[in-house]
Amino acid sequence: MNNHSIHSADRSTHLKIVVVALVAGIVVTGFGLFSRSDGDVQTARVIKAGQPTAFTSSNASAVR
């Protein structure tokens, strides 16, 4: 008998769906963890703000 709806499926069909979803989640998570390259460690640079400056590309006066 084919179960075309999740509502009419029996207990074993529900269990199969849960197991397949769990295995797929573990595979995707494992692939994501092991596909990182540990040699490319990036560090954040801190840039401190200086004095405010104004840049313009025209010769018109600045309106503030």
PDB file of N, CA and C in Angstrom:
ATOM      1  N   MET A   1       0.835  -1.174   0.000  1.00  0.00           N
ATOM      2  CA  MET A   1       0.000   0.000   0.000  1.00  0.00           C
ATOM      3  C   MET A   1       0.881   1.238   0.000  1.00  0.00           C
ATOM      4  N   ASN A   2       0.623   2.156  -0.896  1.00  0.00           N
ATOM      5  CA  ASN A   2       1.381   3.399  -0.974  1.00  0.00           C
ATOM      6  C   ASN A   2       0.679   4.484  -0.165  1.00  0.00           C
ATOM      7  N   ASN A   3       1.449   5.168   0.635  1.00  0.00           N
ATOM      8  CA  ASN A   3       0.920   6.277   1.423  1.00  0.00           C
ATOM      9  C   ASN A   3       1.254   7.576   0.697  1.00  0.00           C
ATOM     10  N   HIS A   4       0.248   8.179   0.123  1.00  0.00           N
ATOM     11  CA  HIS A   4       0.474   9.412  -0.619  1.00  0.00           C
ATOM     12  C   HIS A   4       0.325  10.650   0.253  1.00  0.00           C
ATOM     13  N   SER A   5      -0.032  10.476   1.487  1.00  0.00           N
ATOM     14  CA  SER A   5      -0.199  11.597   2.398  1.00  0.00           C
ATOM     15  C   SER A   5       0.473  11.269   3.722  1.00  0.00           C
ATOM     16  N   ILE A   6       1.059  12.267   4.353  1.00  0.00           N
ATOM     17  CA  ILE A   6       1.702  12.047   5.639  1.00  0.00           C
ATOM     18  C   ILE A   6       0.661  11.773   6.717  1.00  0.00           C
ATOM     19  N   HIS A   7      -0.561  12.241   6.501  1.00  0.00           N
ATOM     20  CA  HIS A   7      -1.617  12.035   7.490  1.00  0.00           C
ATOM     21  C   HIS A   7      -2.099  10.587   7.519  1.00  0.00           C
ATOM     22  N   SER A   8      -2.063   9.906   6.378  1.00  0.00           N
ATOM     23  CA  SER A   8      -2.534   8.524   6.352  1.00  0.00           C
ATOM     24  C   SER A   8      -1.400   7.516   6.508  1.00  0.00           C
ATOM     25  N   ALA A   9      -0.175   7.991   6.715  1.00  0.00           N
ATOM     26  CA  ALA A   9       0.967   7.084   6.843  1.00  0.00           C
ATOM     27  C   ALA A   9       0.965   6.415   8.208  1.00  0.00           C
ATOM     28  N   ASP A  10       1.539   5.216   8.243  1.00  0.00           N
ATOM     29  CA  ASP A  10       1.592   4.504   9.510  1.00  0.00           C
ATOM     30  C   ASP A  10       2.851   4.898  10.295  1.00  0.00           C
ATOM     31  N   ARG A  11       3.030   4.276  11.433  1.00  0.00           N
ATOM     32  CA  ARG A  11       4.106   4.651  12.344  1.00  0.00           C
ATOM     33  C   ARG A  11       5.487   4.395  11.736  1.00  0.00           C
ATOM     34  N   SER A  12       5.660   3.312  11.014  1.00  0.00           N
ATOM     35  CA  SER A  12       6.975   2.999  10.436  1.00  0.00           C
ATOM     36  C   SER A  12       7.362   3.998   9.347  1.00  0.00           C
ATOM     37  N   THR A  13       6.379   4.490   8.609  1.00  0.00           N
ATOM     38  CA  THR A  13       6.667   5.495   7.588  1.00  0.00           C
ATOM     39  C   THR A  13       7.124   6.799   8.238  1.00  0.00           C
ATOM     40  N   HIS A  14       6.463   7.188   9.304  1.00  0.00           N
ATOM     41  CA  HIS A  14       6.884   8.381  10.039  1.00  0.00           C
ATOM     42  C   HIS A  14       8.307   8.216  10.571  1.00  0.00           C
ATOM     43  N   LEU A  15       8.614   7.057  11.091  1.00  0.00           N
ATOM     44  CA  LEU A  15       9.947   6.789  11.622  1.00  0.00           C
ATOM     45  C   LEU A  15      11.002   6.858  10.526  1.00  0.00           C
ATOM     46  N   LYS A  16      10.693   6.317   9.353  1.00  0.00           N
ATOM     47  CA  LYS A  16      11.626   6.378   8.231  1.00  0.00           C
ATOM     48  C   LYS A  16      11.904   7.823   7.825  1.00  0.00           C
ATOM     49  N   ILE A  17      10.869   8.645   7.793  1.00  0.00           N
ATOM     50  CA  ILE A  17      11.029  10.047   7.415  1.00  0.00           C
ATOM     51  C   ILE A  17      11.898  10.772   8.426  1.00  0.00           C
ATOM     52  N   VAL A  18      11.678  10.531   9.702  1.00  0.00           N
ATOM     53  CA  VAL A  18      12.476  11.182  10.747  1.00  0.00           C
ATOM     54  C   VAL A  18      13.932  10.739  10.667  1.00  0.00           C
ATOM     55  N   VAL A  19      14.170   9.455  10.448  1.00  0.00           N
ATOM     56  CA  VAL A  19      15.542   8.946  10.362  1.00  0.00           C
ATOM     57  C   VAL A  19      16.261   9.524   9.145  1.00  0.00           C
ATOM     58  N   VAL A  20      15.603   9.575   8.006  1.00  0.00           N
ATOM     59  CA  VAL A  20      16.224  10.129   6.799  1.00  0.00           C
ATOM     60  C   VAL A  20      16.534  11.612   6.991  1.00  0.00           C
ATOM     61  N   ALA A  21      15.628  12.363   7.609  1.00  0.00           N
ATOM     62  CA  ALA A  21      15.867  13.781   7.852  1.00  0.00           C
ATOM     63  C   ALA A  21      17.022  13.982   8.830  1.00  0.00           C
ATOM     64  N   LEU A  22      17.107  13.140   9.852  1.00  0.00           N
ATOM     65  CA  LEU A  22      18.193  13.244  10.818  1.00  0.00           C
ATOM     66  C   LEU A  22      19.545  12.930  10.180  1.00  0.00           C
ATOM     67  N   VAL A  23      19.598  11.895   9.388  1.00  0.00           N
ATOM     68  CA  VAL A  23      20.846  11.533   8.708  1.00  0.00           C
ATOM     69  C   VAL A  23      21.253  12.635   7.729  1.00  0.00           C
ATOM     70  N   ALA A  24      20.300  13.184   6.991  1.00  0.00           N
ATOM     71  CA  ALA A  24      20.620  14.262   6.058  1.00  0.00           C
ATOM     72  C   ALA A  24      21.139  15.488   6.803  1.00  0.00           C
ATOM     73  N   GLY A  25      20.556  15.815   7.936  1.00  0.00           N
ATOM     74  CA  GLY A  25      21.038  16.946   8.729  1.00  0.00           C
ATOM     75  C   GLY A  25      22.443  16.727   9.246  1.00  0.00           C
ATOM     76  N   ILE A  26      22.742  15.511   9.674  1.00  0.00           N
ATOM     77  CA  ILE A  26      24.087  15.199  10.157  1.00  0.00           C
ATOM     78  C   ILE A  26      25.099  15.278   9.018  1.00  0.00           C
ATOM     79  N   VAL A  27      24.730  14.801   7.844  1.00  0.00           N
ATOM     80  CA  VAL A  27      25.635  14.852   6.688  1.00  0.00           C
ATOM     81  C   VAL A  27      25.917  16.295   6.293  1.00  0.00           C
ATOM     82  N   VAL A  28      24.895  17.127   6.237  1.00  0.00           N
ATOM     83  CA  VAL A  28      25.088  18.537   5.853  1.00  0.00           C
ATOM     84  C   VAL A  28      25.940  19.256   6.893  1.00  0.00           C
ATOM     85  N   THR A  29      25.683  19.009   8.169  1.00  0.00           N
ATOM     86  CA  THR A  29      26.469  19.642   9.223  1.00  0.00           C
ATOM     87  C   THR A  29      27.922  19.180   9.184  1.00  0.00           C
ATOM     88  N   GLY A  30      28.125  17.899   8.989  1.00  0.00           N
ATOM     89  CA  GLY A  30      29.489  17.374   8.897  1.00  0.00           C
ATOM     90  C   GLY A  30      30.231  17.925   7.698  1.00  0.00           C
ATOM     91  N   PHE A  31      29.561  18.027   6.577  1.00  0.00           N
ATOM     92  CA  PHE A  31      30.192  18.588   5.381  1.00  0.00           C
ATOM     93  C   PHE A  31      30.572  20.043   5.629  1.00  0.00           C
ATOM     94  N   GLY A  32      29.714  20.792   6.279  1.00  0.00           N
ATOM     95  CA  GLY A  32      30.009  22.197   6.566  1.00  0.00           C
ATOM     96  C   GLY A  32      31.173  22.358   7.519  1.00  0.00           C
ATOM     97  N   LEU A  33      31.266  21.497   8.507  1.00  0.00           N
ATOM     98  CA  LEU A  33      32.358  21.598   9.470  1.00  0.00           C
ATOM     99  C   LEU A  33      33.698  21.183   8.876  1.00  0.00           C
ATOM    100  N   PHE A  34      33.707  20.135   8.081  1.00  0.00           N
ATOM    101  CA  PHE A  34      34.962  19.619   7.552  1.00  0.00           C
ATOM    102  C   PHE A  34      35.411  20.308   6.271  1.00  0.00           C
ATOM    103  N   SER A  35      34.556  21.124   5.666  1.00  0.00           N
ATOM    104  CA  SER A  35      34.958  21.794   4.433  1.00  0.00           C
ATOM    105  C   SER A  35      35.664  23.119   4.707  1.00  0.00           C
ATOM    106  N   ARG A  36      35.674  23.556   5.965  1.00  0.00           N
ATOM    107  CA  ARG A  36      36.409  24.781   6.295  1.00  0.00           C
ATOM    108  C   ARG A  36      37.896  24.515   6.180  1.00  0.00           C
ATOM    109  N   SER A  37      38.636  25.516   5.718  1.00  0.00           N
ATOM    110  CA  SER A  37      40.085  25.379   5.693  1.00  0.00           C
ATOM    111  C   SER A  37      40.638  26.100   6.921  1.00  0.00           C
ATOM    112  N   ASP A  38      41.357  25.375   7.741  1.00  0.00           N
ATOM    113  CA  ASP A  38      41.885  25.944   8.980  1.00  0.00           C
ATOM    114  C   ASP A  38      43.113  26.816   8.744  1.00  0.00           C
ATOM    115  N   GLY A  39      43.699  26.776   7.564  1.00  0.00           N
ATOM    116  CA  GLY A  39      44.881  27.580   7.274  1.00  0.00           C
ATOM    117  C   GLY A  39      44.558  29.034   6.996  1.00  0.00           C
ATOM    118  N   ASP A  40      43.347  29.351   6.669  1.00  0.00           N
ATOM    119  CA  ASP A  40      42.949  30.715   6.325  1.00  0.00           C
ATOM    120  C   ASP A  40      42.235  31.375   7.495  1.00  0.00           C
ATOM    121  N   VAL A  41      42.945  31.578   8.578  1.00  0.00           N
ATOM    122  CA  VAL A  41      42.334  32.204   9.740  1.00  0.00           C
ATOM    123  C   VAL A  41      42.363  33.710   9.531  1.00  0.00           C
ATOM    124  N   GLN A  42      41.219  34.338   9.650  1.00  0.00           N
ATOM    125  CA  GLN A  42      41.137  35.779   9.463  1.00  0.00           C
ATOM    126  C   GLN A  42      40.968  36.448  10.813  1.00  0.00           C
ATOM    127  N   THR A  43      41.681  37.540  10.990  1.00  0.00           N
ATOM    128  CA  THR A  43      41.548  38.306  12.221  1.00  0.00           C
ATOM    129  C   THR A  43      40.970  39.664  11.885  1.00  0.00           C
ATOM    130  N   ALA A  44      40.233  40.212  12.803  1.00  0.00           N
ATOM    131  CA  ALA A  44      39.611  41.515  12.590  1.00  0.00           C
ATOM    132  C   ALA A  44      40.600  42.615  12.947  1.00  0.00           C
ATOM    133  N   ARG A  45      40.699  43.622  12.087  1.00  0.00           N
ATOM    134  CA  ARG A  45      41.550  44.773  12.361  1.00  0.00           C
ATOM    135  C   ARG A  45      40.694  45.863  12.980  1.00  0.00           C
ATOM    136  N   VAL A  46      41.239  46.527  13.975  1.00  0.00           N
ATOM    137  CA  VAL A  46      40.530  47.616  14.630  1.00  0.00           C
ATOM    138  C   VAL A  46      40.978  48.916  13.996  1.00  0.00           C
ATOM    139  N   ILE A  47      40.019  49.693  13.524  1.00  0.00           N
ATOM    140  CA  ILE A  47      40.312  50.995  12.926  1.00  0.00           C
ATOM    141  C   ILE A  47      39.700  52.050  13.827  1.00  0.00           C
ATOM    142  N   LYS A  48      40.560  52.919  14.368  1.00  0.00           N
ATOM    143  CA  LYS A  48      40.073  53.960  15.258  1.00  0.00           C
ATOM    144  C   LYS A  48      39.697  55.184  14.439  1.00  0.00           C
ATOM    145  N   ALA A  49      38.631  55.833  14.851  1.00  0.00           N
ATOM    146  CA  ALA A  49      38.161  57.025  14.149  1.00  0.00           C
ATOM    147  C   ALA A  49      39.054  58.213  14.485  1.00  0.00           C
ATOM    148  N   GLY A  50      39.353  59.003  13.464  1.00  0.00           N
ATOM    149  CA  GLY A  50      40.150  60.215  13.659  1.00  0.00           C
ATOM    150  C   GLY A  50      39.247  61.437  13.618  1.00  0.00           C
ATOM    151  N   GLN A  51      39.802  62.535  13.179  1.00  0.00           N
ATOM    152  CA  GLN A  51      39.040  63.767  13.070  1.00  0.00           C
ATOM    153  C   GLN A  51      38.074  63.670  11.890  1.00  0.00           C
ATOM    154  N   PRO A  52      36.881  64.265  12.013  1.00  0.00           N
ATOM    155  CA  PRO A  52      35.941  64.234  10.893  1.00  0.00           C
ATOM    156  C   PRO A  52      36.451  65.075   9.726  1.00  0.00           C
ATOM    157  N   THR A  53      36.299  64.554   8.537  1.00  0.00           N
ATOM    158  CA  THR A  53      36.717  65.268   7.330  1.00  0.00           C
ATOM    159  C   THR A  53      35.567  65.253   6.331  1.00  0.00           C
ATOM    160  N   ALA A  54      35.604  66.220   5.430  1.00  0.00           N
ATOM    161  CA  ALA A  54      34.576  66.303   4.390  1.00  0.00           C
ATOM    162  C   ALA A  54      35.256  66.192   3.034  1.00  0.00           C
ATOM    163  N   PHE A  55      34.745  65.339   2.176  1.00  0.00           N
ATOM    164  CA  PHE A  55      35.274  65.160   0.834  1.00  0.00           C
ATOM    165  C   PHE A  55      34.216  65.588  -0.162  1.00  0.00           C
ATOM    166  N   THR A  56      34.647  66.278  -1.200  1.00  0.00           N
ATOM    167  CA  THR A  56      33.716  66.683  -2.244  1.00  0.00           C
ATOM    168  C   THR A  56      34.392  66.519  -3.591  1.00  0.00           C
ATOM    169  N   SER A  57      33.595  66.308  -4.611  1.00  0.00           N
ATOM    170  CA  SER A  57      34.156  66.133  -5.944  1.00  0.00           C
ATOM    171  C   SER A  57      33.885  67.340  -6.838  1.00  0.00           C
ATOM    172  N   SER A  58      33.267  68.374  -6.283  1.00  0.00           N
ATOM    173  CA  SER A  58      33.017  69.580  -7.070  1.00  0.00           C
ATOM    174  C   SER A  58      33.626  70.782  -6.381  1.00  0.00           C
ATOM    175  N   ASN A  59      33.662  71.900  -7.066  1.00  0.00           N
ATOM    176  CA  ASN A  59      34.230  73.112  -6.489  1.00  0.00           C
ATOM    177  C   ASN A  59      33.176  73.969  -5.788  1.00  0.00           C
ATOM    178  N   ALA A  60      31.983  73.490  -5.679  1.00  0.00           N
ATOM    179  CA  ALA A  60      30.923  74.242  -5.008  1.00  0.00           C
ATOM    180  C   ALA A  60      31.181  74.262  -3.497  1.00  0.00           C
ATOM    181  N   SER A  61      30.636  75.245  -2.835  1.00  0.00           N
ATOM    182  CA  SER A  61      30.840  75.353  -1.392  1.00  0.00           C
ATOM    183  C   SER A  61      29.971  74.331  -0.671  1.00  0.00           C
ATOM    184  N   ALA A  62      30.460  73.889   0.452  1.00  0.00           N
ATOM    185  CA  ALA A  62      29.749  72.889   1.237  1.00  0.00           C
ATOM    186  C   ALA A  62      28.635  73.545   2.034  1.00  0.00           C
ATOM    187  N   VAL A  63      27.454  72.972   2.021  1.00  0.00           N
ATOM    188  CA  VAL A  63      26.337  73.476   2.788  1.00  0.00           C
ATOM    189  C   VAL A  63      26.136  72.570   3.972  1.00  0.00           C
ATOM    190  N   ARG A  64      26.159  73.153   5.159  1.00  0.00           N
ATOM    191  CA  ARG A  64      26.022  72.336   6.366  1.00  0.00           C
ATOM    192  C   ARG A  64      24.812  72.752   7.146  1.00  0.00           C
TER     193      ARG A  64
END
